[in-house]
Every structure is written in C-alpha cells, then in structure tokens.
Amino acid sequence: MGSRGTAGVAARLLLASGALMPFGRLWLPDWAPNLHPMLVHFPIALLVTAVAVDLLAVFSRGAALTRRATGFYGLGAVLLLVTYFSGRDAAATVFTPGMAHVVVQEHWDWAMWTTIYFSALTGARFLARRRLSRGHRGLRVAFLAGGSCGAVLLTMTAERGARLVYEFGVGVVGVP
C-alpha cells in the first residue's frame, strides 16, 4: 500500500471532515495559499530545539532539561502531525509543475516517515519519563541518538519541501 495506504486514507478522512480547515480560507490571510506554509516552520524549530536540549541534558545532573526536551518533542510531534496533514491538503490547492510531481511524492513520503518516527520517539520518551527523570545517562544518550536520527529525517523532508518552493515555485505567487 505504501504512503497511499493507511496514511492516505487518514489524510482524506481528516481533510473531508474539515478538521484542518473548519472555516475554509476564511481565517487565512490573502497572501497565504493554504495553511501549510504558516505551520511548517514550528515543528522544525521545536524538534531541533528538543534535540539541542537533549544534548545539554546528557551533560547535566538534574532532570529539568530532560523534562523540557520531552515537552519540546511532544509539542513538536503534535504540530508535525498537523503540518503533515496540512501539507497533504496544500498539494491540492497550488499549481504544481509537471516536473515537480516526483518531488511532491518524495516530500510526502519523507514527511510521513518523519511524522511516524517522531510520534514513536515521543511516545517512547513519555513511557520512559520516570527513568529519564532519575538521571539514567544511558537512556538519555539513547534518546539523544534517536532525536539526532529524527533530525536527519526532518532535514531530508525539509530539503524536498524547499526544492518545491525554490526550485519549482510551488505555492509562490508570481509578480504581476
């Protein structure tokens, strides 16, 4: 089934329900083609910050930084999920040149796996939060490694999204 399987069905159900755009374009500014460009940078910033705070937490004695990193991962993962579905919706609202369709599919695939990965990593962090808060250094290092791998996935996804905008002009309004 691939990326058109379960995730595709879930995306269609979420979009059909109007959960992402409950008022259509009513609350979007005129310059925004859809919700995706307004959301996309928030999960990137939160998840990269989570990895950075995780790095600091490995070298700290207290659990405060680890708790903060887990919070960043949680908020970042939720926003990543919303951003993923807004991106699926966005593809139908903008002109996509023929040569860009392959990159759109790659971006969707990377985004889906990145979203799944960070959701699983965040879930694991929440399950292990007691051991993490007790200062279990090996576990902190393991989650730092996991977050770093996720940052690579995030970078690959973002690179394809950037190509869509800057190489193909997807979602960009031309100058009159």
Protein backbone atom coordinates (compact mmCIF):
# COMPACT_ATOMS: atom_id res chain seq x y z
CA MET A 1 0.00 0.00 0.00
CA GLY A 2 2.87 2.41 0.70
CA SER A 3 2.26 6.04 1.55
CA ARG A 4 -1.08 5.96 -0.22
CA GLY A 5 -2.37 3.30 2.15
CA THR A 6 -3.23 3.99 5.77
CA ALA A 7 -1.76 7.49 5.88
CA GLY A 8 -3.52 8.42 2.66
CA VAL A 9 -6.86 7.18 3.97
CA ALA A 10 -6.32 9.00 7.27
CA ALA A 11 -5.41 12.20 5.41
CA ARG A 12 -8.52 12.00 3.23
CA LEU A 13 -10.75 11.38 6.27
CA LEU A 14 -9.21 14.25 8.22
CA LEU A 15 -9.47 16.61 5.27
CA ALA A 16 -13.00 15.50 4.38
CA SER A 17 -14.09 16.18 7.95
CA GLY A 18 -12.83 19.74 7.62
CA ALA A 19 -10.68 19.33 10.75
CA LEU A 20 -7.77 21.27 9.28
CA MET A 21 -9.74 23.98 7.54
CA PRO A 22 -13.00 24.19 9.50
CA PHE A 23 -13.82 27.62 8.06
CA GLY A 24 -12.23 27.11 4.66
CA ARG A 25 -9.97 30.00 3.77
CA LEU A 26 -11.97 32.42 5.89
CA TRP A 27 -9.30 32.88 8.54
CA LEU A 28 -6.23 32.70 6.27
CA PRO A 29 -4.54 35.92 5.14
CA ASP A 30 -4.92 36.77 1.46
CA TRP A 31 -1.25 36.10 0.75
CA ALA A 32 -1.34 32.53 2.12
CA PRO A 33 -2.21 29.88 -0.46
CA ASN A 34 -3.07 27.41 2.34
CA LEU A 35 -2.30 26.59 5.97
CA HIS A 36 0.90 24.60 5.36
CA PRO A 37 3.42 27.46 4.92
CA MET A 38 2.14 29.07 8.11
CA LEU A 39 2.70 25.90 10.15
CA VAL A 40 5.71 24.16 8.65
CA HIS A 41 8.48 26.01 10.50
CA PHE A 42 7.08 25.48 14.01
CA PRO A 43 7.58 21.70 14.29
CA ILE A 44 11.01 22.03 12.68
CA ALA A 45 12.07 24.61 15.26
CA LEU A 46 10.56 22.69 18.18
CA LEU A 47 12.09 19.36 17.22
CA VAL A 48 15.54 20.77 16.52
CA THR A 49 15.33 22.59 19.86
CA ALA A 50 14.33 19.31 21.52
CA VAL A 51 17.47 17.62 20.18
CA ALA A 52 19.65 20.54 21.33
CA VAL A 53 18.09 20.48 24.82
CA ASP A 54 18.59 16.70 24.87
CA LEU A 55 22.29 17.26 24.15
CA LEU A 56 22.52 19.66 27.08
CA ALA A 57 20.57 17.22 29.28
CA VAL A 58 23.12 14.46 28.67
CA PHE A 59 25.76 16.62 30.36
CA SER A 60 23.55 17.94 33.18
CA ARG A 61 22.89 16.32 36.52
CA GLY A 62 19.28 17.37 37.02
CA ALA A 63 16.17 16.22 35.23
CA ALA A 64 14.80 19.66 34.34
CA LEU A 65 16.39 19.77 30.89
CA THR A 66 15.23 16.24 30.12
CA ARG A 67 11.66 17.18 31.04
CA ARG A 68 11.89 20.29 28.87
CA ALA A 69 13.22 18.26 25.94
CA THR A 70 10.32 15.82 26.32
CA GLY A 71 7.91 18.77 26.26
CA PHE A 72 9.52 20.11 23.08
CA TYR A 73 9.28 16.66 21.50
CA GLY A 74 5.62 16.36 22.49
CA LEU A 75 4.56 19.73 21.11
CA GLY A 76 6.78 19.29 18.05
CA ALA A 77 5.33 15.84 17.27
CA VAL A 78 1.74 17.09 17.56
CA LEU A 79 2.47 20.08 15.31
CA LEU A 80 4.33 17.80 12.89
CA LEU A 81 1.23 15.65 12.55
CA VAL A 82 -0.98 18.69 11.89
CA THR A 83 1.61 20.06 9.46
CA TYR A 84 1.78 16.72 7.62
CA PHE A 85 -1.97 16.73 7.00
CA SER A 86 -1.97 20.42 6.09
CA GLY A 87 0.73 19.64 3.51
CA ARG A 88 -1.36 16.85 2.04
CA ASP A 89 -4.20 19.35 1.74
CA ALA A 90 -1.89 22.06 0.35
CA ALA A 91 -0.87 19.96 -2.64
CA ALA A 92 -4.42 20.20 -3.97
CA THR A 93 -4.59 23.99 -3.61
CA VAL A 94 -1.47 25.11 -5.50
CA PHE A 95 -0.20 24.81 -9.06
CA THR A 96 2.40 22.06 -9.30
CA PRO A 97 4.52 21.99 -12.48
CA GLY A 98 4.82 18.57 -14.12
CA MET A 99 8.47 18.05 -13.19
CA ALA A 100 7.69 18.74 -9.51
CA HIS A 101 5.25 15.86 -9.05
CA VAL A 102 8.08 13.41 -8.33
CA VAL A 103 9.48 15.75 -5.65
CA VAL A 104 5.97 16.19 -4.17
CA GLN A 105 5.69 12.41 -3.80
CA GLU A 106 9.19 12.21 -2.24
CA HIS A 107 8.30 15.06 0.15
CA TRP A 108 5.08 13.28 1.15
CA ASP A 109 6.92 10.01 1.74
CA TRP A 110 9.70 11.60 3.81
CA ALA A 111 7.13 13.64 5.74
CA MET A 112 5.04 10.57 6.52
CA TRP A 113 8.02 8.56 7.82
CA THR A 114 9.36 11.56 9.75
CA THR A 115 5.97 12.05 11.39
CA ILE A 116 5.70 8.37 12.29
CA TYR A 117 9.27 8.34 13.62
CA PHE A 118 8.87 11.40 15.84
CA SER A 119 5.48 10.18 17.08
CA ALA A 120 7.03 6.86 18.11
CA LEU A 121 10.10 8.52 19.64
CA THR A 122 7.93 10.93 21.61
CA GLY A 123 5.69 8.10 22.78
CA ALA A 124 8.74 6.17 23.94
CA ARG A 125 10.04 9.24 25.81
CA PHE A 126 6.73 9.63 27.62
CA LEU A 127 6.77 5.95 28.57
CA ALA A 128 10.37 6.24 29.83
CA ARG A 129 9.99 9.62 31.54
CA ARG A 130 10.38 8.19 35.06
CA ARG A 131 13.69 6.54 34.23
CA LEU A 132 14.79 9.64 32.33
CA SER A 133 13.98 11.91 35.27
CA ARG A 134 16.07 9.71 37.59
CA GLY A 135 19.11 10.61 35.52
CA HIS A 136 19.60 7.33 33.63
CA ARG A 137 22.51 8.55 31.47
CA GLY A 138 22.48 5.61 29.03
CA LEU A 139 18.81 6.21 28.30
CA ARG A 140 19.44 9.93 27.83
CA VAL A 141 22.19 9.17 25.32
CA ALA A 142 19.93 6.68 23.52
CA PHE A 143 17.16 9.25 23.20
CA LEU A 144 19.67 11.85 22.05
CA ALA A 145 20.81 9.43 19.32
CA GLY A 146 17.19 8.79 18.40
CA GLY A 147 16.44 12.50 18.24
CA SER A 148 19.52 13.07 16.11
CA CYS A 149 18.35 10.41 13.64
CA GLY A 150 14.97 12.14 13.58
CA ALA A 151 16.68 15.45 12.85
CA VAL A 152 18.23 13.82 9.77
CA LEU A 153 14.78 12.67 8.63
CA LEU A 154 13.46 16.17 9.27
CA THR A 155 16.28 17.66 7.20
CA MET A 156 15.60 15.32 4.28
CA THR A 157 11.89 16.21 4.39
CA ALA A 158 12.60 19.95 4.62
CA GLU A 159 15.08 19.78 1.74
CA ARG A 160 12.41 18.36 -0.55
CA GLY A 161 9.90 20.96 0.62
CA ALA A 162 12.43 23.72 -0.04
CA ARG A 163 13.05 22.34 -3.53
CA LEU A 164 9.33 22.51 -4.24
CA VAL A 165 9.25 26.19 -3.31
CA TYR A 166 12.62 27.46 -4.51
CA GLU A 167 13.29 25.20 -7.49
CA PHE A 168 9.78 24.70 -8.83
CA GLY A 169 7.93 27.72 -7.39
CA VAL A 170 5.15 25.62 -5.87
CA GLY A 171 2.85 27.80 -3.76
CA VAL A 172 4.60 31.00 -4.77
CA VAL A 173 2.56 33.84 -6.18
CA GLY A 174 4.21 35.31 -9.26
CA VAL A 175 4.97 39.01 -9.53
CA PRO A 176 2.40 40.76 -11.77
